[in-house]
Amino acid sequence: MANRELTLAGAIVVAPGVFPHAAEPITDEQKAELGALHLRKIDLADRVLVVNPGGYIGESTSREIAYARSTGKPVSFTHPD
């Protein structure tokens, strides 16, 4: 939903392309590669919007938020605390 709304508003959206909770499992190596890829996507971004239904933020997302903040990227949330 956020991806669609931002895209229709004219923003370039760089979002995760693989979801680890999908039907097809991914390997630990793939998880590590995806983690690094997500950080590179943050490097490309002007800002980070965390899609966190119900306020939930997982472990990998927490690391990505910390990384984004450490690089000075503004971070906002779809469901603030």
Protein backbone atom coordinates (compact mmCIF):
# COMPACT_ATOMS: atom_id res chain seq x y z
CA MET A 1 0.00 0.00 0.00
CA ALA A 2 2.76 2.49 0.94
CA ASN A 3 4.72 1.52 -2.18
CA ARG A 4 1.69 2.20 -4.39
CA GLU A 5 0.79 5.49 -2.73
CA LEU A 6 4.34 6.83 -2.90
CA THR A 7 4.79 5.72 -6.51
CA LEU A 8 1.52 7.37 -7.56
CA ALA A 9 2.70 10.52 -5.76
CA GLY A 10 5.76 10.56 -8.01
CA ALA A 11 8.36 9.13 -5.62
CA ILE A 12 10.94 6.58 -6.71
CA VAL A 13 10.45 3.66 -4.34
CA VAL A 14 13.32 1.30 -3.58
CA ALA A 15 11.80 -1.57 -1.63
CA PRO A 16 12.82 -5.08 -0.54
CA GLY A 17 12.37 -7.53 -3.39
CA VAL A 18 12.34 -10.79 -1.45
CA PHE A 19 10.32 -11.54 1.63
CA PRO A 20 11.80 -14.18 3.97
CA HIS A 21 8.39 -15.30 5.23
CA ALA A 22 7.24 -16.29 1.72
CA ALA A 23 6.41 -19.87 0.74
CA GLU A 24 9.85 -20.57 -0.75
CA PRO A 25 12.57 -20.65 1.92
CA ILE A 26 15.86 -18.83 1.41
CA THR A 27 19.27 -19.97 2.59
CA ASP A 28 21.35 -18.33 5.31
CA GLU A 29 23.77 -17.17 2.60
CA GLN A 30 20.90 -15.56 0.68
CA LYS A 31 19.69 -13.88 3.90
CA ALA A 32 23.15 -12.38 4.44
CA GLU A 33 23.27 -11.18 0.82
CA LEU A 34 19.81 -9.64 1.14
CA GLY A 35 20.84 -7.89 4.34
CA ALA A 36 23.79 -6.29 2.54
CA LEU A 37 21.59 -5.42 -0.45
CA HIS A 38 19.07 -3.68 1.80
CA LEU A 39 21.85 -1.51 3.22
CA ARG A 40 22.93 -0.55 -0.32
CA LYS A 41 19.31 0.39 -1.07
CA ILE A 42 19.35 2.62 2.00
CA ASP A 43 22.51 4.24 0.64
CA LEU A 44 20.57 5.12 -2.55
CA ALA A 45 17.56 6.50 -0.68
CA ASP A 46 16.84 10.09 0.30
CA ARG A 47 14.79 8.86 3.25
CA VAL A 48 13.52 5.60 4.73
CA LEU A 49 9.89 4.73 5.37
CA VAL A 50 9.48 1.70 7.62
CA VAL A 51 6.27 -0.21 6.90
CA ASN A 52 5.47 -1.62 10.32
CA PRO A 53 1.84 -2.75 10.63
CA GLY A 54 0.72 -2.71 14.23
CA GLY A 55 4.00 -1.09 15.22
CA TYR A 56 5.99 -4.32 14.76
CA ILE A 57 9.68 -3.98 13.88
CA GLY A 58 11.75 -7.13 13.46
CA GLU A 59 15.44 -7.70 14.16
CA SER A 60 16.72 -7.10 10.62
CA THR A 61 14.54 -4.01 10.21
CA SER A 62 15.91 -2.66 13.49
CA ARG A 63 19.46 -3.06 12.12
CA GLU A 64 18.45 -1.30 8.91
CA ILE A 65 16.89 1.59 10.87
CA ALA A 66 20.09 1.96 12.91
CA TYR A 67 22.15 1.94 9.71
CA ALA A 68 19.93 4.54 8.06
CA ARG A 69 20.16 6.82 11.08
CA SER A 70 23.94 6.36 11.26
CA THR A 71 24.18 7.64 7.68
CA GLY A 72 21.95 10.63 8.42
CA LYS A 73 18.91 9.38 6.50
CA PRO A 74 15.55 10.53 7.88
CA VAL A 75 13.49 7.57 9.07
CA SER A 76 9.70 7.57 9.41
CA PHE A 77 7.17 4.87 10.15
CA THR A 78 3.74 3.93 8.80
CA HIS A 79 2.66 3.11 12.37
CA PRO A 80 4.60 5.21 14.92
CA ASP A 81 4.74 4.05 18.53
